[in-house]
Amino acid sequence: FSTVRMADRILVVENGRVQEIGSHEELLANNGRYAELFALQAAGYR
């Protein structure tokens, strides 16, 4: 869970295509698929 936050660049691949690229902070700010999936995972820790 915390490892992904340390990555320089994260690629979100869906249906074999890159949908989003950026840092953890950038992808959260974009409110795209990455942010959606991250929120689902984070909810499990609450």
PDB file of N, CA and C in Angstrom:
ATOM      1  N   PHE A   1       0.827  -1.192   0.000  1.00  0.00           N
ATOM      2  CA  PHE A   1       0.000   0.000   0.000  1.00  0.00           C
ATOM      3  C   PHE A   1       0.867   1.251   0.000  1.00  0.00           C
ATOM      4  N   SER A   2       1.854   1.324   0.865  1.00  0.00           N
ATOM      5  CA  SER A   2       2.706   2.517   0.908  1.00  0.00           C
ATOM      6  C   SER A   2       3.780   2.497  -0.170  1.00  0.00           C
ATOM      7  N   THR A   3       4.104   1.336  -0.709  1.00  0.00           N
ATOM      8  CA  THR A   3       5.156   1.229  -1.727  1.00  0.00           C
ATOM      9  C   THR A   3       4.819   2.038  -2.965  1.00  0.00           C
ATOM     10  N   VAL A   4       3.586   2.037  -3.377  1.00  0.00           N
ATOM     11  CA  VAL A   4       3.194   2.756  -4.593  1.00  0.00           C
ATOM     12  C   VAL A   4       3.425   4.258  -4.442  1.00  0.00           C
ATOM     13  N   ARG A   5       3.346   4.771  -3.254  1.00  0.00           N
ATOM     14  CA  ARG A   5       3.565   6.207  -3.022  1.00  0.00           C
ATOM     15  C   ARG A   5       5.008   6.612  -3.289  1.00  0.00           C
ATOM     16  N   MET A   6       5.937   5.679  -3.194  1.00  0.00           N
ATOM     17  CA  MET A   6       7.359   5.977  -3.388  1.00  0.00           C
ATOM     18  C   MET A   6       7.785   5.887  -4.849  1.00  0.00           C
ATOM     19  N   ALA A   7       6.925   5.411  -5.727  1.00  0.00           N
ATOM     20  CA  ALA A   7       7.281   5.249  -7.141  1.00  0.00           C
ATOM     21  C   ALA A   7       7.430   6.611  -7.812  1.00  0.00           C
ATOM     22  N   ASP A   8       8.425   6.721  -8.699  1.00  0.00           N
ATOM     23  CA  ASP A   8       8.616   7.953  -9.464  1.00  0.00           C
ATOM     24  C   ASP A   8       7.509   8.136 -10.489  1.00  0.00           C
ATOM     25  N   ARG A   9       7.113   7.038 -11.105  1.00  0.00           N
ATOM     26  CA  ARG A   9       6.091   7.085 -12.148  1.00  0.00           C
ATOM     27  C   ARG A   9       5.230   5.834 -12.056  1.00  0.00           C
ATOM     28  N   ILE A  10       3.942   6.019 -12.167  1.00  0.00           N
ATOM     29  CA  ILE A  10       2.978   4.925 -12.114  1.00  0.00           C
ATOM     30  C   ILE A  10       2.208   4.922 -13.423  1.00  0.00           C
ATOM     31  N   LEU A  11       2.049   3.751 -13.999  1.00  0.00           N
ATOM     32  CA  LEU A  11       1.249   3.606 -15.217  1.00  0.00           C
ATOM     33  C   LEU A  11       0.000   2.815 -14.878  1.00  0.00           C
ATOM     34  N   VAL A  12      -1.134   3.315 -15.272  1.00  0.00           N
ATOM     35  CA  VAL A  12      -2.401   2.618 -15.088  1.00  0.00           C
ATOM     36  C   VAL A  12      -2.759   2.003 -16.433  1.00  0.00           C
ATOM     37  N   VAL A  13      -2.817   0.673 -16.473  1.00  0.00           N
ATOM     38  CA  VAL A  13      -3.107  -0.050 -17.709  1.00  0.00           C
ATOM     39  C   VAL A  13      -4.481  -0.691 -17.575  1.00  0.00           C
ATOM     40  N   GLU A  14      -5.324  -0.433 -18.559  1.00  0.00           N
ATOM     41  CA  GLU A  14      -6.666  -0.993 -18.563  1.00  0.00           C
ATOM     42  C   GLU A  14      -6.961  -1.488 -19.972  1.00  0.00           C
ATOM     43  N   ASN A  15      -7.408  -2.727 -20.066  1.00  0.00           N
ATOM     44  CA  ASN A  15      -7.697  -3.337 -21.371  1.00  0.00           C
ATOM     45  C   ASN A  15      -6.498  -3.274 -22.316  1.00  0.00           C
ATOM     46  N   GLY A  16      -5.307  -3.457 -21.756  1.00  0.00           N
ATOM     47  CA  GLY A  16      -4.097  -3.501 -22.568  1.00  0.00           C
ATOM     48  C   GLY A  16      -3.571  -2.153 -23.019  1.00  0.00           C
ATOM     49  N   ARG A  17      -4.166  -1.073 -22.545  1.00  0.00           N
ATOM     50  CA  ARG A  17      -3.730   0.269 -22.949  1.00  0.00           C
ATOM     51  C   ARG A  17      -3.402   1.116 -21.721  1.00  0.00           C
ATOM     52  N   VAL A  18      -2.378   1.940 -21.862  1.00  0.00           N
ATOM     53  CA  VAL A  18      -2.016   2.859 -20.788  1.00  0.00           C
ATOM     54  C   VAL A  18      -3.071   3.963 -20.735  1.00  0.00           C
ATOM     55  N   GLN A  19      -3.701   4.100 -19.594  1.00  0.00           N
ATOM     56  CA  GLN A  19      -4.760   5.097 -19.418  1.00  0.00           C
ATOM     57  C   GLN A  19      -4.284   6.339 -18.684  1.00  0.00           C
ATOM     58  N   GLU A  20      -3.337   6.152 -17.756  1.00  0.00           N
ATOM     59  CA  GLU A  20      -2.848   7.269 -16.949  1.00  0.00           C
ATOM     60  C   GLU A  20      -1.374   7.045 -16.647  1.00  0.00           C
ATOM     61  N   ILE A  21      -0.624   8.142 -16.565  1.00  0.00           N
ATOM     62  CA  ILE A  21       0.785   8.096 -16.180  1.00  0.00           C
ATOM     63  C   ILE A  21       1.043   9.281 -15.261  1.00  0.00           C
ATOM     64  N   GLY A  22       1.766   9.029 -14.171  1.00  0.00           N
ATOM     65  CA  GLY A  22       2.132  10.126 -13.282  1.00  0.00           C
ATOM     66  C   GLY A  22       2.609   9.613 -11.947  1.00  0.00           C
ATOM     67  N   SER A  23       2.926  10.542 -11.066  1.00  0.00           N
ATOM     68  CA  SER A  23       3.292  10.179  -9.701  1.00  0.00           C
ATOM     69  C   SER A  23       2.004   9.894  -8.924  1.00  0.00           C
ATOM     70  N   HIS A  24       2.165   9.372  -7.743  1.00  0.00           N
ATOM     71  CA  HIS A  24       1.013   9.089  -6.887  1.00  0.00           C
ATOM     72  C   HIS A  24       0.180  10.358  -6.688  1.00  0.00           C
ATOM     73  N   GLU A  25       0.850  11.450  -6.360  1.00  0.00           N
ATOM     74  CA  GLU A  25       0.157  12.711  -6.111  1.00  0.00           C
ATOM     75  C   GLU A  25      -0.558  13.226  -7.358  1.00  0.00           C
ATOM     76  N   GLU A  26       0.113  13.136  -8.505  1.00  0.00           N
ATOM     77  CA  GLU A  26      -0.488  13.600  -9.759  1.00  0.00           C
ATOM     78  C   GLU A  26      -1.728  12.788 -10.114  1.00  0.00           C
ATOM     79  N   LEU A  27      -1.621  11.481  -9.958  1.00  0.00           N
ATOM     80  CA  LEU A  27      -2.745  10.617 -10.310  1.00  0.00           C
ATOM     81  C   LEU A  27      -3.929  10.809  -9.369  1.00  0.00           C
ATOM     82  N   LEU A  28      -3.662  11.050  -8.104  1.00  0.00           N
ATOM     83  CA  LEU A  28      -4.762  11.338  -7.179  1.00  0.00           C
ATOM     84  C   LEU A  28      -5.438  12.651  -7.552  1.00  0.00           C
ATOM     85  N   ALA A  29      -4.646  13.650  -7.914  1.00  0.00           N
ATOM     86  CA  ALA A  29      -5.194  14.963  -8.286  1.00  0.00           C
ATOM     87  C   ALA A  29      -6.046  14.888  -9.548  1.00  0.00           C
ATOM     88  N   ASN A  30      -5.736  13.938 -10.435  1.00  0.00           N
ATOM     89  CA  ASN A  30      -6.494  13.786 -11.682  1.00  0.00           C
ATOM     90  C   ASN A  30      -7.873  13.168 -11.464  1.00  0.00           C
ATOM     91  N   ASN A  31      -8.081  12.562 -10.299  1.00  0.00           N
ATOM     92  CA  ASN A  31      -9.367  11.918  -9.980  1.00  0.00           C
ATOM     93  C   ASN A  31      -9.813  10.909 -11.032  1.00  0.00           C
ATOM     94  N   GLY A  32      -8.854  10.182 -11.578  1.00  0.00           N
ATOM     95  CA  GLY A  32      -9.157   9.168 -12.587  1.00  0.00           C
ATOM     96  C   GLY A  32      -9.295   7.785 -11.982  1.00  0.00           C
ATOM     97  N   ARG A  33      -9.001   6.790 -12.794  1.00  0.00           N
ATOM     98  CA  ARG A  33      -9.133   5.388 -12.378  1.00  0.00           C
ATOM     99  C   ARG A  33      -8.193   5.059 -11.220  1.00  0.00           C
ATOM    100  N   TYR A  34      -6.971   5.578 -11.269  1.00  0.00           N
ATOM    101  CA  TYR A  34      -6.014   5.331 -10.191  1.00  0.00           C
ATOM    102  C   TYR A  34      -6.573   5.834  -8.862  1.00  0.00           C
ATOM    103  N   ALA A  35      -7.081   7.060  -8.856  1.00  0.00           N
ATOM    104  CA  ALA A  35      -7.630   7.637  -7.629  1.00  0.00           C
ATOM    105  C   ALA A  35      -8.805   6.810  -7.116  1.00  0.00           C
ATOM    106  N   GLU A  36      -9.620   6.340  -8.035  1.00  0.00           N
ATOM    107  CA  GLU A  36     -10.768   5.509  -7.666  1.00  0.00           C
ATOM    108  C   GLU A  36     -10.311   4.213  -7.000  1.00  0.00           C
ATOM    109  N   LEU A  37      -9.354   3.543  -7.608  1.00  0.00           N
ATOM    110  CA  LEU A  37      -8.864   2.279  -7.058  1.00  0.00           C
ATOM    111  C   LEU A  37      -8.104   2.488  -5.754  1.00  0.00           C
ATOM    112  N   PHE A  38      -7.342   3.569  -5.668  1.00  0.00           N
ATOM    113  CA  PHE A  38      -6.605   3.864  -4.446  1.00  0.00           C
ATOM    114  C   PHE A  38      -7.578   4.122  -3.292  1.00  0.00           C
ATOM    115  N   ALA A  39      -8.647   4.858  -3.562  1.00  0.00           N
ATOM    116  CA  ALA A  39      -9.645   5.140  -2.527  1.00  0.00           C
ATOM    117  C   ALA A  39     -10.312   3.855  -2.037  1.00  0.00           C
ATOM    118  N   LEU A  40     -10.598   2.942  -2.950  1.00  0.00           N
ATOM    119  CA  LEU A  40     -11.191   1.662  -2.554  1.00  0.00           C
ATOM    120  C   LEU A  40     -10.257   0.883  -1.635  1.00  0.00           C
ATOM    121  N   GLN A  41      -8.981   0.875  -1.987  1.00  0.00           N
ATOM    122  CA  GLN A  41      -8.021   0.154  -1.165  1.00  0.00           C
ATOM    123  C   GLN A  41      -7.840   0.845   0.184  1.00  0.00           C
ATOM    124  N   ALA A  42      -7.748   2.159   0.181  1.00  0.00           N
ATOM    125  CA  ALA A  42      -7.550   2.913   1.418  1.00  0.00           C
ATOM    126  C   ALA A  42      -8.731   2.731   2.367  1.00  0.00           C
ATOM    127  N   ALA A  43      -9.923   2.591   1.821  1.00  0.00           N
ATOM    128  CA  ALA A  43     -11.116   2.403   2.655  1.00  0.00           C
ATOM    129  C   ALA A  43     -11.014   1.127   3.486  1.00  0.00           C
ATOM    130  N   GLY A  44     -10.304   0.149   2.982  1.00  0.00           N
ATOM    131  CA  GLY A  44     -10.120  -1.097   3.714  1.00  0.00           C
ATOM    132  C   GLY A  44      -9.256  -0.948   4.954  1.00  0.00           C
ATOM    133  N   TYR A  45      -8.499   0.139   5.038  1.00  0.00           N
ATOM    134  CA  TYR A  45      -7.626   0.379   6.185  1.00  0.00           C
ATOM    135  C   TYR A  45      -8.283   1.268   7.233  1.00  0.00           C
ATOM    136  N   ARG A  46      -9.490   1.724   6.949  1.00  0.00           N
ATOM    137  CA  ARG A  46     -10.176   2.617   7.904  1.00  0.00           C
ATOM    138  C   ARG A  46     -11.032   1.839   8.854  1.00  0.00           C
TER     139      ARG A  46
END
